[in-house]
Amino acid sequence: MVCGVTGVISLRLSEDTLRKLDELSTREGKDRSTLIRELLEKGIQEKNLDNAVELYRRGEATGWRTAQSAGVSLWNFLRVLDERGVLLQYGERDLERDLSALREG
């Protein structure tokens, strides 16, 4: 996703990491900056998913809400929970909150 406002950051990377980036960019036919942006976006998405799983695991939010916060469908979120060995915590109160969230849009 590209926003209208952009910024510039600078960071230090090891020679090994730079070499791996160059190998990937060559293999994928992309310049280094494009590849770094893609990797950063994937990393942010994964971190959001990790945070959502942890919220769900602690019982601080429903599956529906945590899936929304992670930017994934409920079905994908349930699959991730299963893959990570997180037990479903779903009761009548959760159903009521999810139905309410659905009504709110």
N, C-alpha and C. Protein backbone atom coordinates (compact mmCIF):
# COMPACT_ATOMS: atom_id res chain seq x y z
N MET A 1 0.84 -1.17 0.00
CA MET A 1 0.00 0.00 0.00
C MET A 1 0.88 1.23 0.00
N VAL A 2 0.67 2.15 -0.92
CA VAL A 2 1.45 3.37 -1.02
C VAL A 2 0.59 4.54 -0.58
N CYS A 3 1.13 5.33 0.33
CA CYS A 3 0.42 6.51 0.82
C CYS A 3 0.91 7.74 0.08
N GLY A 4 0.16 8.84 0.19
CA GLY A 4 0.54 10.07 -0.48
C GLY A 4 1.77 10.72 0.12
N VAL A 5 2.02 10.49 1.40
CA VAL A 5 3.15 11.10 2.09
C VAL A 5 4.23 10.04 2.25
N THR A 6 5.45 10.40 1.92
CA THR A 6 6.55 9.46 2.08
C THR A 6 7.60 10.08 2.98
N GLY A 7 8.44 9.25 3.49
CA GLY A 7 9.54 9.71 4.33
C GLY A 7 10.79 8.94 3.98
N VAL A 8 11.89 9.45 4.44
CA VAL A 8 13.17 8.81 4.18
C VAL A 8 13.76 8.39 5.52
N ILE A 9 14.24 7.15 5.57
CA ILE A 9 14.93 6.68 6.76
C ILE A 9 16.31 6.19 6.35
N SER A 10 17.18 6.14 7.30
CA SER A 10 18.52 5.64 7.04
C SER A 10 18.82 4.61 8.11
N LEU A 11 19.49 3.53 7.74
CA LEU A 11 19.83 2.51 8.71
C LEU A 11 21.13 1.85 8.33
N ARG A 12 21.76 1.28 9.32
CA ARG A 12 23.02 0.57 9.10
C ARG A 12 22.73 -0.93 9.05
N LEU A 13 23.30 -1.58 8.04
CA LEU A 13 23.13 -3.02 7.88
C LEU A 13 24.49 -3.66 7.76
N SER A 14 24.59 -4.89 8.20
CA SER A 14 25.86 -5.61 8.09
C SER A 14 26.14 -5.92 6.62
N GLU A 15 27.38 -6.19 6.34
CA GLU A 15 27.77 -6.56 4.98
C GLU A 15 27.04 -7.81 4.53
N ASP A 16 26.86 -8.75 5.45
CA ASP A 16 26.16 -10.00 5.13
C ASP A 16 24.71 -9.71 4.73
N THR A 17 24.04 -8.85 5.49
CA THR A 17 22.65 -8.51 5.16
C THR A 17 22.57 -7.78 3.82
N LEU A 18 23.51 -6.87 3.58
CA LEU A 18 23.53 -6.17 2.29
C LEU A 18 23.74 -7.14 1.13
N ARG A 19 24.62 -8.09 1.34
CA ARG A 19 24.87 -9.10 0.29
C ARG A 19 23.61 -9.90 0.01
N LYS A 20 22.92 -10.32 1.09
CA LYS A 20 21.68 -11.08 0.92
C LYS A 20 20.60 -10.25 0.23
N LEU A 21 20.50 -8.96 0.58
CA LEU A 21 19.55 -8.08 -0.09
C LEU A 21 19.86 -7.98 -1.58
N ASP A 22 21.14 -7.80 -1.89
CA ASP A 22 21.53 -7.69 -3.30
C ASP A 22 21.23 -8.98 -4.06
N GLU A 23 21.47 -10.13 -3.44
CA GLU A 23 21.16 -11.41 -4.08
C GLU A 23 19.66 -11.52 -4.35
N LEU A 24 18.86 -11.17 -3.35
CA LEU A 24 17.40 -11.22 -3.52
C LEU A 24 16.92 -10.25 -4.59
N SER A 25 17.45 -9.05 -4.55
CA SER A 25 16.99 -8.05 -5.53
C SER A 25 17.35 -8.46 -6.95
N THR A 26 18.50 -9.06 -7.12
CA THR A 26 18.90 -9.55 -8.44
C THR A 26 17.99 -10.70 -8.87
N ARG A 27 17.76 -11.63 -7.95
CA ARG A 27 16.91 -12.79 -8.25
C ARG A 27 15.50 -12.36 -8.63
N GLU A 28 14.97 -11.34 -7.94
CA GLU A 28 13.60 -10.91 -8.18
C GLU A 28 13.50 -9.77 -9.19
N GLY A 29 14.63 -9.28 -9.66
CA GLY A 29 14.61 -8.20 -10.65
C GLY A 29 14.08 -6.89 -10.09
N LYS A 30 14.38 -6.62 -8.83
CA LYS A 30 13.91 -5.40 -8.17
C LYS A 30 15.11 -4.64 -7.64
N ASP A 31 14.94 -3.32 -7.53
CA ASP A 31 16.03 -2.57 -6.91
C ASP A 31 15.98 -2.76 -5.40
N ARG A 32 17.08 -2.46 -4.75
CA ARG A 32 17.21 -2.70 -3.31
C ARG A 32 16.14 -1.97 -2.50
N SER A 33 15.85 -0.73 -2.85
CA SER A 33 14.85 0.05 -2.10
C SER A 33 13.46 -0.58 -2.18
N THR A 34 13.08 -1.04 -3.35
CA THR A 34 11.77 -1.68 -3.51
C THR A 34 11.70 -2.94 -2.67
N LEU A 35 12.76 -3.73 -2.71
CA LEU A 35 12.80 -4.96 -1.93
C LEU A 35 12.72 -4.67 -0.43
N ILE A 36 13.45 -3.67 0.03
CA ILE A 36 13.42 -3.31 1.45
C ILE A 36 12.02 -2.86 1.86
N ARG A 37 11.36 -2.06 1.02
CA ARG A 37 9.98 -1.64 1.33
C ARG A 37 9.05 -2.84 1.44
N GLU A 38 9.17 -3.79 0.51
CA GLU A 38 8.32 -4.99 0.55
C GLU A 38 8.59 -5.81 1.81
N LEU A 39 9.85 -6.00 2.15
CA LEU A 39 10.20 -6.76 3.34
C LEU A 39 9.72 -6.07 4.61
N LEU A 40 9.82 -4.75 4.64
CA LEU A 40 9.37 -3.99 5.80
C LEU A 40 7.85 -4.09 5.95
N GLU A 41 7.13 -4.00 4.85
CA GLU A 41 5.66 -4.14 4.90
C GLU A 41 5.27 -5.52 5.41
N LYS A 42 5.93 -6.56 4.90
CA LYS A 42 5.64 -7.92 5.37
C LYS A 42 5.95 -8.05 6.85
N GLY A 43 7.05 -7.45 7.28
CA GLY A 43 7.42 -7.50 8.69
C GLY A 43 6.41 -6.80 9.57
N ILE A 44 5.90 -5.67 9.12
CA ILE A 44 4.89 -4.93 9.87
C ILE A 44 3.61 -5.75 9.97
N GLN A 45 3.19 -6.35 8.86
CA GLN A 45 2.00 -7.19 8.87
C GLN A 45 2.16 -8.35 9.84
N GLU A 46 3.33 -8.98 9.82
CA GLU A 46 3.58 -10.12 10.71
C GLU A 46 3.59 -9.67 12.17
N LYS A 47 4.17 -8.51 12.44
CA LYS A 47 4.20 -8.00 13.81
C LYS A 47 2.79 -7.67 14.29
N ASN A 48 1.96 -7.08 13.42
CA ASN A 48 0.57 -6.82 13.78
C ASN A 48 -0.17 -8.12 14.09
N LEU A 49 0.10 -9.14 13.32
CA LEU A 49 -0.52 -10.45 13.55
C LEU A 49 -0.05 -11.04 14.88
N ASP A 50 1.25 -10.93 15.16
CA ASP A 50 1.78 -11.41 16.44
C ASP A 50 1.09 -10.71 17.60
N ASN A 51 0.94 -9.39 17.50
CA ASN A 51 0.29 -8.63 18.57
C ASN A 51 -1.17 -9.04 18.73
N ALA A 52 -1.86 -9.27 17.62
CA ALA A 52 -3.26 -9.67 17.67
C ALA A 52 -3.40 -11.05 18.33
N VAL A 53 -2.52 -11.97 17.99
CA VAL A 53 -2.55 -13.30 18.59
C VAL A 53 -2.33 -13.19 20.10
N GLU A 54 -1.41 -12.35 20.51
CA GLU A 54 -1.14 -12.20 21.93
C GLU A 54 -2.34 -11.58 22.66
N LEU A 55 -2.99 -10.59 22.06
CA LEU A 55 -4.21 -10.02 22.66
C LEU A 55 -5.27 -11.09 22.83
N TYR A 56 -5.44 -11.90 21.81
CA TYR A 56 -6.44 -12.97 21.86
C TYR A 56 -6.06 -14.00 22.92
N ARG A 57 -4.80 -14.38 22.95
CA ARG A 57 -4.31 -15.39 23.91
C ARG A 57 -4.56 -14.95 25.34
N ARG A 58 -4.39 -13.64 25.61
CA ARG A 58 -4.61 -13.10 26.96
C ARG A 58 -6.08 -12.83 27.25
N GLY A 59 -6.95 -13.04 26.25
CA GLY A 59 -8.38 -12.84 26.45
C GLY A 59 -8.79 -11.38 26.48
N GLU A 60 -7.97 -10.50 25.89
CA GLU A 60 -8.25 -9.07 25.92
C GLU A 60 -9.14 -8.60 24.77
N ALA A 61 -9.35 -9.46 23.78
CA ALA A 61 -10.20 -9.10 22.64
C ALA A 61 -10.71 -10.39 21.99
N THR A 62 -11.81 -10.25 21.26
CA THR A 62 -12.39 -11.41 20.58
C THR A 62 -11.60 -11.72 19.31
N GLY A 63 -11.87 -12.88 18.77
CA GLY A 63 -11.23 -13.26 17.52
C GLY A 63 -11.55 -12.28 16.41
N TRP A 64 -12.78 -11.82 16.37
CA TRP A 64 -13.20 -10.89 15.33
C TRP A 64 -12.41 -9.59 15.42
N ARG A 65 -12.35 -9.04 16.62
CA ARG A 65 -11.64 -7.76 16.82
C ARG A 65 -10.14 -7.90 16.55
N THR A 66 -9.55 -8.98 17.01
CA THR A 66 -8.12 -9.14 16.81
C THR A 66 -7.80 -9.39 15.33
N ALA A 67 -8.67 -10.11 14.65
CA ALA A 67 -8.47 -10.31 13.20
C ALA A 67 -8.53 -8.96 12.48
N GLN A 68 -9.51 -8.13 12.87
CA GLN A 68 -9.61 -6.80 12.26
C GLN A 68 -8.36 -5.98 12.52
N SER A 69 -7.88 -6.01 13.77
CA SER A 69 -6.70 -5.20 14.11
C SER A 69 -5.46 -5.68 13.34
N ALA A 70 -5.42 -6.97 13.01
CA ALA A 70 -4.29 -7.52 12.26
C ALA A 70 -4.47 -7.35 10.75
N GLY A 71 -5.67 -6.94 10.33
CA GLY A 71 -5.91 -6.74 8.90
C GLY A 71 -6.10 -8.03 8.12
N VAL A 72 -6.59 -9.08 8.81
CA VAL A 72 -6.85 -10.35 8.13
C VAL A 72 -8.29 -10.77 8.37
N SER A 73 -8.77 -11.69 7.56
CA SER A 73 -10.12 -12.20 7.76
C SER A 73 -10.17 -13.05 9.03
N LEU A 74 -11.36 -13.22 9.56
CA LEU A 74 -11.52 -14.05 10.75
C LEU A 74 -11.05 -15.47 10.47
N TRP A 75 -11.36 -16.00 9.29
CA TRP A 75 -10.96 -17.37 8.95
C TRP A 75 -9.45 -17.50 8.90
N ASN A 76 -8.78 -16.52 8.33
CA ASN A 76 -7.31 -16.57 8.30
C ASN A 76 -6.74 -16.47 9.71
N PHE A 77 -7.37 -15.62 10.53
CA PHE A 77 -6.90 -15.47 11.90
C PHE A 77 -7.07 -16.77 12.68
N LEU A 78 -8.20 -17.45 12.50
CA LEU A 78 -8.42 -18.73 13.16
C LEU A 78 -7.40 -19.77 12.71
N ARG A 79 -7.04 -19.73 11.43
CA ARG A 79 -6.01 -20.65 10.91
C ARG A 79 -4.67 -20.37 11.59
N VAL A 80 -4.33 -19.08 11.74
CA VAL A 80 -3.07 -18.71 12.40
C VAL A 80 -3.07 -19.18 13.85
N LEU A 81 -4.20 -18.99 14.54
CA LEU A 81 -4.29 -19.46 15.92
C LEU A 81 -4.03 -20.95 16.00
N ASP A 82 -4.63 -21.70 15.08
CA ASP A 82 -4.43 -23.15 15.05
C ASP A 82 -2.97 -23.50 14.79
N GLU A 83 -2.36 -22.83 13.82
CA GLU A 83 -0.96 -23.09 13.49
C GLU A 83 -0.03 -22.80 14.67
N ARG A 84 -0.41 -21.82 15.49
CA ARG A 84 0.43 -21.44 16.63
C ARG A 84 0.03 -22.14 17.92
N GLY A 85 -0.94 -23.06 17.81
CA GLY A 85 -1.33 -23.84 18.97
C GLY A 85 -2.10 -23.07 20.02
N VAL A 86 -2.80 -22.01 19.60
CA VAL A 86 -3.59 -21.21 20.54
C VAL A 86 -5.01 -21.77 20.56
N LEU A 87 -5.48 -22.12 21.76
CA LEU A 87 -6.83 -22.65 21.89
C LEU A 87 -7.86 -21.56 21.70
N LEU A 88 -8.98 -21.93 21.05
CA LEU A 88 -10.07 -20.98 20.88
C LEU A 88 -10.71 -20.69 22.22
N GLN A 89 -10.95 -19.42 22.45
CA GLN A 89 -11.59 -18.97 23.68
C GLN A 89 -12.85 -18.23 23.25
N TYR A 90 -13.91 -18.95 23.10
CA TYR A 90 -15.10 -18.34 22.53
C TYR A 90 -16.33 -18.76 23.32
N GLY A 91 -17.02 -17.78 23.87
CA GLY A 91 -18.22 -18.05 24.65
C GLY A 91 -19.37 -17.18 24.19
N GLU A 92 -20.43 -17.24 24.92
CA GLU A 92 -21.64 -16.48 24.57
C GLU A 92 -21.36 -14.98 24.55
N ARG A 93 -20.60 -14.51 25.54
CA ARG A 93 -20.26 -13.08 25.59
C ARG A 93 -19.47 -12.66 24.35
N ASP A 94 -18.55 -13.51 23.90
CA ASP A 94 -17.76 -13.22 22.70
C ASP A 94 -18.67 -13.14 21.47
N LEU A 95 -19.62 -14.06 21.38
CA LEU A 95 -20.56 -14.05 20.27
C LEU A 95 -21.34 -12.75 20.25
N GLU A 96 -21.80 -12.32 21.39
CA GLU A 96 -22.56 -11.07 21.47
C GLU A 96 -21.71 -9.88 21.05
N ARG A 97 -20.45 -9.84 21.48
CA ARG A 97 -19.55 -8.73 21.09
C ARG A 97 -19.26 -8.76 19.59
N ASP A 98 -19.07 -9.95 19.04
CA ASP A 98 -18.80 -10.05 17.60
C ASP A 98 -20.01 -9.65 16.78
N LEU A 99 -21.20 -10.07 17.20
CA LEU A 99 -22.42 -9.66 16.49
C LEU A 99 -22.61 -8.16 16.56
N SER A 100 -22.31 -7.58 17.70
CA SER A 100 -22.40 -6.13 17.86
C SER A 100 -21.40 -5.42 16.93
N ALA A 101 -20.20 -5.96 16.83
CA ALA A 101 -19.19 -5.38 15.96
C ALA A 101 -19.61 -5.48 14.49
N LEU A 102 -20.23 -6.57 14.13
CA LEU A 102 -20.73 -6.74 12.76
C LEU A 102 -21.80 -5.71 12.43
N ARG A 103 -22.67 -5.45 13.38
CA ARG A 103 -23.73 -4.46 13.17
C ARG A 103 -23.17 -3.06 13.02
N GLU A 104 -22.07 -2.78 13.74
CA GLU A 104 -21.45 -1.46 13.68
C GLU A 104 -20.75 -1.23 12.35
N GLY A 105 -20.41 -2.30 11.69
CA GLY A 105 -19.79 -2.19 10.37
C GLY A 105 -18.34 -2.30 10.45
